[in-house]
PDB file of all heavy atoms in Angstrom:
ATOM      1  N   ALA A   1      -0.534 -23.140   6.141  1.00  0.00           N
ATOM      2  CA  ALA A   1      -0.593 -22.033   5.279  1.00  0.00           C
ATOM      3  C   ALA A   1       0.763 -21.253   5.354  1.00  0.00           C
ATOM      4  O   ALA A   1       1.477 -21.350   6.349  1.00  0.00           O
ATOM      5  CB  ALA A   1      -1.757 -21.067   5.658  1.00  0.00           C
ATOM      6  N   ALA A   2       1.064 -20.498   4.285  1.00  0.00           N
ATOM      7  CA  ALA A   2       2.243 -19.707   4.223  1.00  0.00           C
ATOM      8  C   ALA A   2       1.915 -18.492   3.373  1.00  0.00           C
ATOM      9  O   ALA A   2       0.923 -18.463   2.576  1.00  0.00           O
ATOM     10  CB  ALA A   2       3.418 -20.503   3.645  1.00  0.00           C
ATOM     11  N   PRO A   3       2.680 -17.404   3.439  1.00  0.00           N
ATOM     12  CA  PRO A   3       2.401 -16.194   2.684  1.00  0.00           C
ATOM     13  C   PRO A   3       2.179 -16.407   1.207  1.00  0.00           C
ATOM     14  O   PRO A   3       2.964 -17.074   0.546  1.00  0.00           O
ATOM     15  CB  PRO A   3       3.643 -15.363   2.935  1.00  0.00           C
ATOM     16  CG  PRO A   3       4.053 -15.724   4.318  1.00  0.00           C
ATOM     17  CD  PRO A   3       3.897 -17.231   4.373  1.00  0.00           C
ATOM     18  N   GLY A   4       1.067 -15.875   0.720  1.00  0.00           N
ATOM     19  CA  GLY A   4       0.725 -16.020  -0.713  1.00  0.00           C
ATOM     20  C   GLY A   4       0.016 -14.886  -1.311  1.00  0.00           C
ATOM     21  O   GLY A   4      -0.602 -15.001  -2.355  1.00  0.00           O
ATOM     22  N   THR A   5       0.063 -13.728  -0.647  1.00  0.00           N
ATOM     23  CA  THR A   5      -0.517 -12.489  -1.162  1.00  0.00           C
ATOM     24  C   THR A   5       0.516 -11.411  -1.240  1.00  0.00           C
ATOM     25  O   THR A   5       1.166 -11.152  -0.196  1.00  0.00           O
ATOM     26  CB  THR A   5      -1.708 -11.999  -0.318  1.00  0.00           C
ATOM     27  OG1 THR A   5      -2.774 -13.019  -0.333  1.00  0.00           O
ATOM     28  CG2 THR A   5      -2.254 -10.688  -0.848  1.00  0.00           C
ATOM     29  N   ASP A   6       0.771 -10.861  -2.397  1.00  0.00           N
ATOM     30  CA  ASP A   6       1.728  -9.744  -2.551  1.00  0.00           C
ATOM     31  C   ASP A   6       3.080 -10.064  -1.971  1.00  0.00           C
ATOM     32  O   ASP A   6       3.688  -9.282  -1.164  1.00  0.00           O
ATOM     33  CB  ASP A   6       1.174  -8.458  -1.935  1.00  0.00           C
ATOM     34  CG  ASP A   6      -0.067  -7.932  -2.607  1.00  0.00           C
ATOM     35  OD1 ASP A   6      -0.280  -8.203  -3.782  1.00  0.00           O
ATOM     36  OD2 ASP A   6      -0.844  -7.241  -1.918  1.00  0.00           O
ATOM     37  N   VAL A   7       3.613 -11.216  -2.335  1.00  0.00           N
ATOM     38  CA  VAL A   7       4.953 -11.604  -1.972  1.00  0.00           C
ATOM     39  C   VAL A   7       5.950 -10.960  -2.917  1.00  0.00           C
ATOM     40  O   VAL A   7       5.919 -11.212  -4.087  1.00  0.00           O
ATOM     41  CB  VAL A   7       5.101 -13.123  -1.903  1.00  0.00           C
ATOM     42  CG1 VAL A   7       6.524 -13.553  -1.611  1.00  0.00           C
ATOM     43  CG2 VAL A   7       4.142 -13.729  -0.879  1.00  0.00           C
ATOM     44  N   TYR A   8       6.868 -10.197  -2.358  1.00  0.00           N
ATOM     45  CA  TYR A   8       7.882  -9.478  -3.170  1.00  0.00           C
ATOM     46  C   TYR A   8       8.987 -10.425  -3.491  1.00  0.00           C
ATOM     47  O   TYR A   8       9.609 -11.029  -2.599  1.00  0.00           O
ATOM     48  CB  TYR A   8       8.363  -8.272  -2.411  1.00  0.00           C
ATOM     49  CG  TYR A   8       8.681  -7.072  -3.276  1.00  0.00           C
ATOM     50  CD1 TYR A   8       8.249  -5.788  -2.944  1.00  0.00           C
ATOM     51  CD2 TYR A   8       9.466  -7.178  -4.447  1.00  0.00           C
ATOM     52  CE1 TYR A   8       8.568  -4.679  -3.706  1.00  0.00           C
ATOM     53  CE2 TYR A   8       9.747  -6.054  -5.189  1.00  0.00           C
ATOM     54  CZ  TYR A   8       9.343  -4.825  -4.841  1.00  0.00           C
ATOM     55  OH  TYR A   8       9.631  -3.726  -5.612  1.00  0.00           O
ATOM     56  N   THR A   9       9.295 -10.648  -4.757  1.00  0.00           N
ATOM     57  CA  THR A   9      10.269 -11.680  -5.110  1.00  0.00           C
ATOM     58  C   THR A   9      10.916 -11.359  -6.413  1.00  0.00           C
ATOM     59  O   THR A   9      10.729 -10.295  -7.056  1.00  0.00           O
ATOM     60  CB  THR A   9       9.528 -13.073  -5.208  1.00  0.00           C
ATOM     61  OG1 THR A   9      10.469 -14.088  -5.504  1.00  0.00           O
ATOM     62  CG2 THR A   9       8.445 -13.064  -6.310  1.00  0.00           C
ATOM     63  N   THR A  10      11.769 -12.298  -6.918  1.00  0.00           N
ATOM     64  CA  THR A  10      12.494 -12.098  -8.177  1.00  0.00           C
ATOM     65  C   THR A  10      11.596 -12.381  -9.348  1.00  0.00           C
ATOM     66  O   THR A  10      10.644 -13.217  -9.288  1.00  0.00           O
ATOM     67  CB  THR A  10      13.671 -13.017  -8.223  1.00  0.00           C
ATOM     68  OG1 THR A  10      13.287 -14.321  -7.883  1.00  0.00           O
ATOM     69  CG2 THR A  10      14.737 -12.572  -7.229  1.00  0.00           C
ATOM     70  N   ASN A  11      11.886 -11.772 -10.503  1.00  0.00           N
ATOM     71  CA  ASN A  11      11.152 -12.039 -11.738  1.00  0.00           C
ATOM     72  C   ASN A  11      12.077 -12.080 -12.901  1.00  0.00           C
ATOM     73  O   ASN A  11      13.267 -11.674 -12.807  1.00  0.00           O
ATOM     74  CB  ASN A  11      10.099 -10.945 -11.928  1.00  0.00           C
ATOM     75  CG  ASN A  11       8.949 -11.365 -12.818  1.00  0.00           C
ATOM     76  OD1 ASN A  11       8.998 -12.440 -13.462  1.00  0.00           O
ATOM     77  ND2 ASN A  11       7.886 -10.511 -12.941  1.00  0.00           N
ATOM     78  N   THR A  12      11.599 -12.610 -13.998  1.00  0.00           N
ATOM     79  CA  THR A  12      12.402 -12.692 -15.230  1.00  0.00           C
ATOM     80  C   THR A  12      12.736 -11.307 -15.750  1.00  0.00           C
ATOM     81  O   THR A  12      12.107 -10.358 -15.382  1.00  0.00           O
ATOM     82  CB  THR A  12      11.700 -13.511 -16.270  1.00  0.00           C
ATOM     83  OG1 THR A  12      10.373 -13.039 -16.463  1.00  0.00           O
ATOM     84  CG2 THR A  12      11.608 -14.979 -15.892  1.00  0.00           C
ATOM     85  N   GLY A  13      13.742 -11.249 -16.594  1.00  0.00           N
ATOM     86  CA  GLY A  13      14.158  -9.971 -17.151  1.00  0.00           C
ATOM     87  C   GLY A  13      14.972  -9.164 -16.158  1.00  0.00           C
ATOM     88  O   GLY A  13      15.013  -7.937 -16.204  1.00  0.00           O
ATOM     89  N   ASN A  14      15.554  -9.872 -15.174  1.00  0.00           N
ATOM     90  CA  ASN A  14      16.347  -9.168 -14.130  1.00  0.00           C
ATOM     91  C   ASN A  14      15.498  -8.244 -13.293  1.00  0.00           C
ATOM     92  O   ASN A  14      15.957  -7.263 -12.731  1.00  0.00           O
ATOM     93  CB  ASN A  14      17.550  -8.429 -14.662  1.00  0.00           C
ATOM     94  CG  ASN A  14      18.631  -9.377 -15.131  1.00  0.00           C
ATOM     95  OD1 ASN A  14      18.659 -10.564 -14.781  1.00  0.00           O
ATOM     96  ND2 ASN A  14      19.545  -8.921 -15.957  1.00  0.00           N
ATOM     97  N   ARG A  15      14.177  -8.541 -13.259  1.00  0.00           N
ATOM     98  CA  ARG A  15      13.241  -7.610 -12.573  1.00  0.00           C
ATOM     99  C   ARG A  15      12.830  -8.206 -11.204  1.00  0.00           C
ATOM    100  O   ARG A  15      13.258  -9.288 -10.846  1.00  0.00           O
ATOM    101  CB  ARG A  15      12.014  -7.449 -13.448  1.00  0.00           C
ATOM    102  CG  ARG A  15      12.234  -6.823 -14.779  1.00  0.00           C
ATOM    103  CD  ARG A  15      10.966  -6.878 -15.620  1.00  0.00           C
ATOM    104  NE  ARG A  15      10.552  -8.255 -15.877  1.00  0.00           N
ATOM    105  CZ  ARG A  15       9.323  -8.633 -16.189  1.00  0.00           C
ATOM    106  NH1 ARG A  15       8.350  -7.685 -16.337  1.00  0.00           N
ATOM    107  NH2 ARG A  15       9.008  -9.858 -16.414  1.00  0.00           N
ATOM    108  N   TYR A  16      11.926  -7.444 -10.573  1.00  0.00           N
ATOM    109  CA  TYR A  16      11.323  -7.915  -9.301  1.00  0.00           C
ATOM    110  C   TYR A  16       9.815  -7.769  -9.427  1.00  0.00           C
ATOM    111  O   TYR A  16       9.290  -6.943 -10.161  1.00  0.00           O
ATOM    112  CB  TYR A  16      11.822  -7.087  -8.121  1.00  0.00           C
ATOM    113  CG  TYR A  16      13.305  -7.280  -7.862  1.00  0.00           C
ATOM    114  CD1 TYR A  16      14.204  -6.420  -8.460  1.00  0.00           C
ATOM    115  CD2 TYR A  16      13.765  -8.324  -7.088  1.00  0.00           C
ATOM    116  CE1 TYR A  16      15.592  -6.593  -8.236  1.00  0.00           C
ATOM    117  CE2 TYR A  16      15.124  -8.507  -6.837  1.00  0.00           C
ATOM    118  CZ  TYR A  16      16.016  -7.659  -7.419  1.00  0.00           C
ATOM    119  OH  TYR A  16      17.366  -7.825  -7.233  1.00  0.00           O
ATOM    120  N   GLU A  17       9.104  -8.656  -8.718  1.00  0.00           N
ATOM    121  CA  GLU A  17       7.677  -8.654  -8.737  1.00  0.00           C
ATOM    122  C   GLU A  17       7.192  -8.350  -7.318  1.00  0.00           C
ATOM    123  O   GLU A  17       7.489  -9.098  -6.414  1.00  0.00           O
ATOM    124  CB  GLU A  17       7.134  -9.963  -9.217  1.00  0.00           C
ATOM    125  CG  GLU A  17       5.623 -10.157  -9.123  1.00  0.00           C
ATOM    126  CD  GLU A  17       4.884  -9.085  -9.936  1.00  0.00           C
ATOM    127  OE1 GLU A  17       5.194  -8.943 -11.106  1.00  0.00           O
ATOM    128  OE2 GLU A  17       4.029  -8.440  -9.296  1.00  0.00           O
ATOM    129  N   ARG A  18       6.331  -7.286  -7.193  1.00  0.00           N
ATOM    130  CA  ARG A  18       5.907  -6.893  -5.823  1.00  0.00           C
ATOM    131  C   ARG A  18       4.547  -7.613  -5.441  1.00  0.00           C
ATOM    132  O   ARG A  18       4.163  -7.507  -4.278  1.00  0.00           O
ATOM    133  CB  ARG A  18       5.788  -5.415  -5.689  1.00  0.00           C
ATOM    134  CG  ARG A  18       4.634  -4.839  -6.552  1.00  0.00           C
ATOM    135  CD  ARG A  18       4.386  -3.370  -6.212  1.00  0.00           C
ATOM    136  NE  ARG A  18       5.532  -2.474  -6.435  1.00  0.00           N
ATOM    137  CZ  ARG A  18       6.101  -1.818  -5.444  1.00  0.00           C
ATOM    138  NH1 ARG A  18       5.646  -1.911  -4.220  1.00  0.00           N
ATOM    139  NH2 ARG A  18       7.124  -1.044  -5.701  1.00  0.00           N
ATOM    140  N   SER A  19       3.912  -8.225  -6.375  1.00  0.00           N
ATOM    141  CA  SER A  19       2.577  -8.741  -6.078  1.00  0.00           C
ATOM    142  C   SER A  19       2.402 -10.194  -6.477  1.00  0.00           C
ATOM    143  O   SER A  19       1.374 -10.556  -7.015  1.00  0.00           O
ATOM    144  CB  SER A  19       1.510  -7.866  -6.776  1.00  0.00           C
ATOM    145  OG  SER A  19       1.715  -7.823  -8.153  1.00  0.00           O
ATOM    146  N   PHE A  20       3.437 -11.007  -6.298  1.00  0.00           N
ATOM    147  CA  PHE A  20       3.372 -12.426  -6.558  1.00  0.00           C
ATOM    148  C   PHE A  20       2.320 -13.042  -5.594  1.00  0.00           C
ATOM    149  O   PHE A  20       2.548 -12.994  -4.383  1.00  0.00           O
ATOM    150  CB  PHE A  20       4.708 -13.084  -6.418  1.00  0.00           C
ATOM    151  CG  PHE A  20       4.750 -14.559  -6.745  1.00  0.00           C
ATOM    152  CD1 PHE A  20       3.957 -15.088  -7.758  1.00  0.00           C
ATOM    153  CD2 PHE A  20       5.537 -15.435  -6.029  1.00  0.00           C
ATOM    154  CE1 PHE A  20       4.002 -16.427  -8.074  1.00  0.00           C
ATOM    155  CE2 PHE A  20       5.601 -16.782  -6.349  1.00  0.00           C
ATOM    156  CZ  PHE A  20       4.844 -17.322  -7.340  1.00  0.00           C
ATOM    157  N   GLY A  21       1.276 -13.578  -6.125  1.00  0.00           N
ATOM    158  CA  GLY A  21       0.230 -14.119  -5.302  1.00  0.00           C
ATOM    159  C   GLY A  21      -0.160 -15.542  -5.698  1.00  0.00           C
ATOM    160  O   GLY A  21       0.155 -15.975  -6.788  1.00  0.00           O
ATOM    161  N   GLY A  22      -0.859 -16.258  -4.789  1.00  0.00           N
ATOM    162  CA  GLY A  22      -1.249 -17.582  -5.073  1.00  0.00           C
ATOM    163  C   GLY A  22      -0.593 -18.593  -4.133  1.00  0.00           C
ATOM    164  O   GLY A  22       0.422 -18.274  -3.447  1.00  0.00           O
ATOM    165  N   THR A  23      -1.141 -19.747  -4.110  1.00  0.00           N
ATOM    166  CA  THR A  23      -0.508 -20.797  -3.284  1.00  0.00           C
ATOM    167  C   THR A  23       0.860 -21.182  -3.890  1.00  0.00           C
ATOM    168  O   THR A  23       1.663 -21.819  -3.210  1.00  0.00           O
ATOM    169  CB  THR A  23      -1.383 -22.004  -3.167  1.00  0.00           C
ATOM    170  OG1 THR A  23      -1.753 -22.489  -4.439  1.00  0.00           O
ATOM    171  CG2 THR A  23      -2.685 -21.724  -2.359  1.00  0.00           C
ATOM    172  N   SER A  24       1.103 -20.770  -5.106  1.00  0.00           N
ATOM    173  CA  SER A  24       2.418 -20.942  -5.710  1.00  0.00           C
ATOM    174  C   SER A  24       3.508 -20.202  -4.943  1.00  0.00           C
ATOM    175  O   SER A  24       4.631 -20.667  -4.812  1.00  0.00           O
ATOM    176  CB  SER A  24       2.470 -20.456  -7.162  1.00  0.00           C
ATOM    177  OG  SER A  24       1.729 -21.326  -8.011  1.00  0.00           O
ATOM    178  N   ALA A  25       3.164 -19.028  -4.360  1.00  0.00           N
ATOM    179  CA  ALA A  25       4.139 -18.289  -3.553  1.00  0.00           C
ATOM    180  C   ALA A  25       4.318 -18.963  -2.179  1.00  0.00           C
ATOM    181  O   ALA A  25       5.373 -18.894  -1.548  1.00  0.00           O
ATOM    182  CB  ALA A  25       3.680 -16.859  -3.369  1.00  0.00           C
ATOM    183  N   ALA A  26       3.236 -19.637  -1.686  1.00  0.00           N
ATOM    184  CA  ALA A  26       3.252 -20.168  -0.382  1.00  0.00           C
ATOM    185  C   ALA A  26       4.198 -21.413  -0.258  1.00  0.00           C
ATOM    186  O   ALA A  26       4.963 -21.549   0.682  1.00  0.00           O
ATOM    187  CB  ALA A  26       1.902 -20.573   0.094  1.00  0.00           C
ATOM    188  N   SER A  27       4.115 -22.260  -1.265  1.00  0.00           N
ATOM    189  CA  SER A  27       4.956 -23.506  -1.204  1.00  0.00           C
ATOM    190  C   SER A  27       6.443 -23.275  -1.101  1.00  0.00           C
ATOM    191  O   SER A  27       7.111 -23.829  -0.238  1.00  0.00           O
ATOM    192  CB  SER A  27       4.647 -24.357  -2.465  1.00  0.00           C
ATOM    193  OG  SER A  27       5.429 -25.490  -2.473  1.00  0.00           O
ATOM    194  N   PRO A  28       7.013 -22.353  -1.956  1.00  0.00           N
ATOM    195  CA  PRO A  28       8.501 -22.146  -1.797  1.00  0.00           C
ATOM    196  C   PRO A  28       8.846 -21.432  -0.457  1.00  0.00           C
ATOM    197  O   PRO A  28      10.004 -21.534  -0.012  1.00  0.00           O
ATOM    198  CB  PRO A  28       8.829 -21.226  -2.994  1.00  0.00           C
ATOM    199  CG  PRO A  28       7.559 -20.662  -3.462  1.00  0.00           C
ATOM    200  CD  PRO A  28       6.466 -21.681  -3.138  1.00  0.00           C
ATOM    201  N   CYS A  29       7.904 -20.707   0.190  1.00  0.00           N
ATOM    202  CA  CYS A  29       8.198 -20.234   1.501  1.00  0.00           C
ATOM    203  C   CYS A  29       8.429 -21.319   2.508  1.00  0.00           C
ATOM    204  O   CYS A  29       9.325 -21.304   3.287  1.00  0.00           O
ATOM    205  CB  CYS A  29       7.024 -19.311   2.002  1.00  0.00           C
ATOM    206  SG  CYS A  29       6.931 -17.736   1.201  1.00  0.00           S
ATOM    207  N   VAL A  30       7.669 -22.412   2.368  1.00  0.00           N
ATOM    208  CA  VAL A  30       7.907 -23.596   3.214  1.00  0.00           C
ATOM    209  C   VAL A  30       9.206 -24.274   2.827  1.00  0.00           C
ATOM    210  O   VAL A  30       9.928 -24.778   3.648  1.00  0.00           O
ATOM    211  CB  VAL A  30       6.696 -24.562   3.056  1.00  0.00           C
ATOM    212  CG1 VAL A  30       6.892 -25.801   3.962  1.00  0.00           C
ATOM    213  CG2 VAL A  30       5.389 -23.895   3.389  1.00  0.00           C
ATOM    214  N   GLY A  31       9.513 -24.294   1.526  1.00  0.00           N
ATOM    215  CA  GLY A  31      10.805 -24.792   1.085  1.00  0.00           C
ATOM    216  C   GLY A  31      11.964 -24.087   1.652  1.00  0.00           C
ATOM    217  O   GLY A  31      13.001 -24.684   2.098  1.00  0.00           O
ATOM    218  N   GLY A  32      11.892 -22.735   1.665  1.00  0.00           N
ATOM    219  CA  GLY A  32      12.894 -21.922   2.295  1.00  0.00           C
ATOM    220  C   GLY A  32      13.105 -22.244   3.731  1.00  0.00           C
ATOM    221  O   GLY A  32      14.211 -22.350   4.264  1.00  0.00           O
ATOM    222  N   LEU A  33      11.995 -22.443   4.458  1.00  0.00           N
ATOM    223  CA  LEU A  33      12.039 -22.793   5.858  1.00  0.00           C
ATOM    224  C   LEU A  33      12.704 -24.154   6.046  1.00  0.00           C
ATOM    225  O   LEU A  33      13.553 -24.349   6.970  1.00  0.00           O
ATOM    226  CB  LEU A  33      10.631 -22.813   6.482  1.00  0.00           C
ATOM    227  CG  LEU A  33      10.474 -23.398   7.835  1.00  0.00           C
ATOM    228  CD1 LEU A  33      11.402 -22.776   8.861  1.00  0.00           C
ATOM    229  CD2 LEU A  33       8.988 -23.303   8.268  1.00  0.00           C
ATOM    230  N   ALA A  34      12.407 -25.120   5.183  1.00  0.00           N
ATOM    231  CA  ALA A  34      12.959 -26.443   5.360  1.00  0.00           C
ATOM    232  C   ALA A  34      14.483 -26.409   5.222  1.00  0.00           C
ATOM    233  O   ALA A  34      15.181 -27.075   6.024  1.00  0.00           O
ATOM    234  CB  ALA A  34      12.329 -27.356   4.321  1.00  0.00           C
ATOM    235  N   VAL A  35      14.995 -25.729   4.245  1.00  0.00           N
ATOM    236  CA  VAL A  35      16.453 -25.727   4.045  1.00  0.00           C
ATOM    237  C   VAL A  35      17.110 -24.873   5.163  1.00  0.00           C
ATOM    238  O   VAL A  35      18.296 -25.169   5.497  1.00  0.00           O
ATOM    239  CB  VAL A  35      16.873 -25.227   2.638  1.00  0.00           C
ATOM    240  CG1 VAL A  35      16.417 -26.244   1.571  1.00  0.00           C
ATOM    241  CG2 VAL A  35      16.292 -23.877   2.327  1.00  0.00           C
ATOM    242  N   LEU A  36      16.427 -23.913   5.678  1.00  0.00           N
ATOM    243  CA  LEU A  36      17.023 -23.134   6.754  1.00  0.00           C
ATOM    244  C   LEU A  36      17.117 -24.015   8.006  1.00  0.00           C
ATOM    245  O   LEU A  36      18.106 -23.974   8.772  1.00  0.00           O
ATOM    246  CB  LEU A  36      16.177 -21.895   7.018  1.00  0.00           C
ATOM    247  CG  LEU A  36      16.836 -20.819   7.918  1.00  0.00           C
ATOM    248  CD1 LEU A  36      18.086 -20.257   7.274  1.00  0.00           C
ATOM    249  CD2 LEU A  36      15.839 -19.744   8.241  1.00  0.00           C
ATOM    250  N   LEU A  37      16.090 -24.831   8.214  1.00  0.00           N
ATOM    251  CA  LEU A  37      16.094 -25.750   9.384  1.00  0.00           C
ATOM    252  C   LEU A  37      17.239 -26.812   9.225  1.00  0.00           C
ATOM    253  O   LEU A  37      17.955 -27.066  10.175  1.00  0.00           O
ATOM    254  CB  LEU A  37      14.746 -26.500   9.460  1.00  0.00           C
ATOM    255  CG  LEU A  37      13.648 -25.780  10.235  1.00  0.00           C
ATOM    256  CD1 LEU A  37      12.315 -26.519  10.015  1.00  0.00           C
ATOM    257  CD2 LEU A  37      13.975 -25.721  11.735  1.00  0.00           C
TER     258      LEU A  37
END
């Protein structure tokens, strides 16, 4: 599992989204970890 509730992230329109939720948010968190490793 990885964070997937209220993940604060970038959004279209040069905006930010404070409540990005779903397993959609979790997968790129793992992706970020992989490239950091």
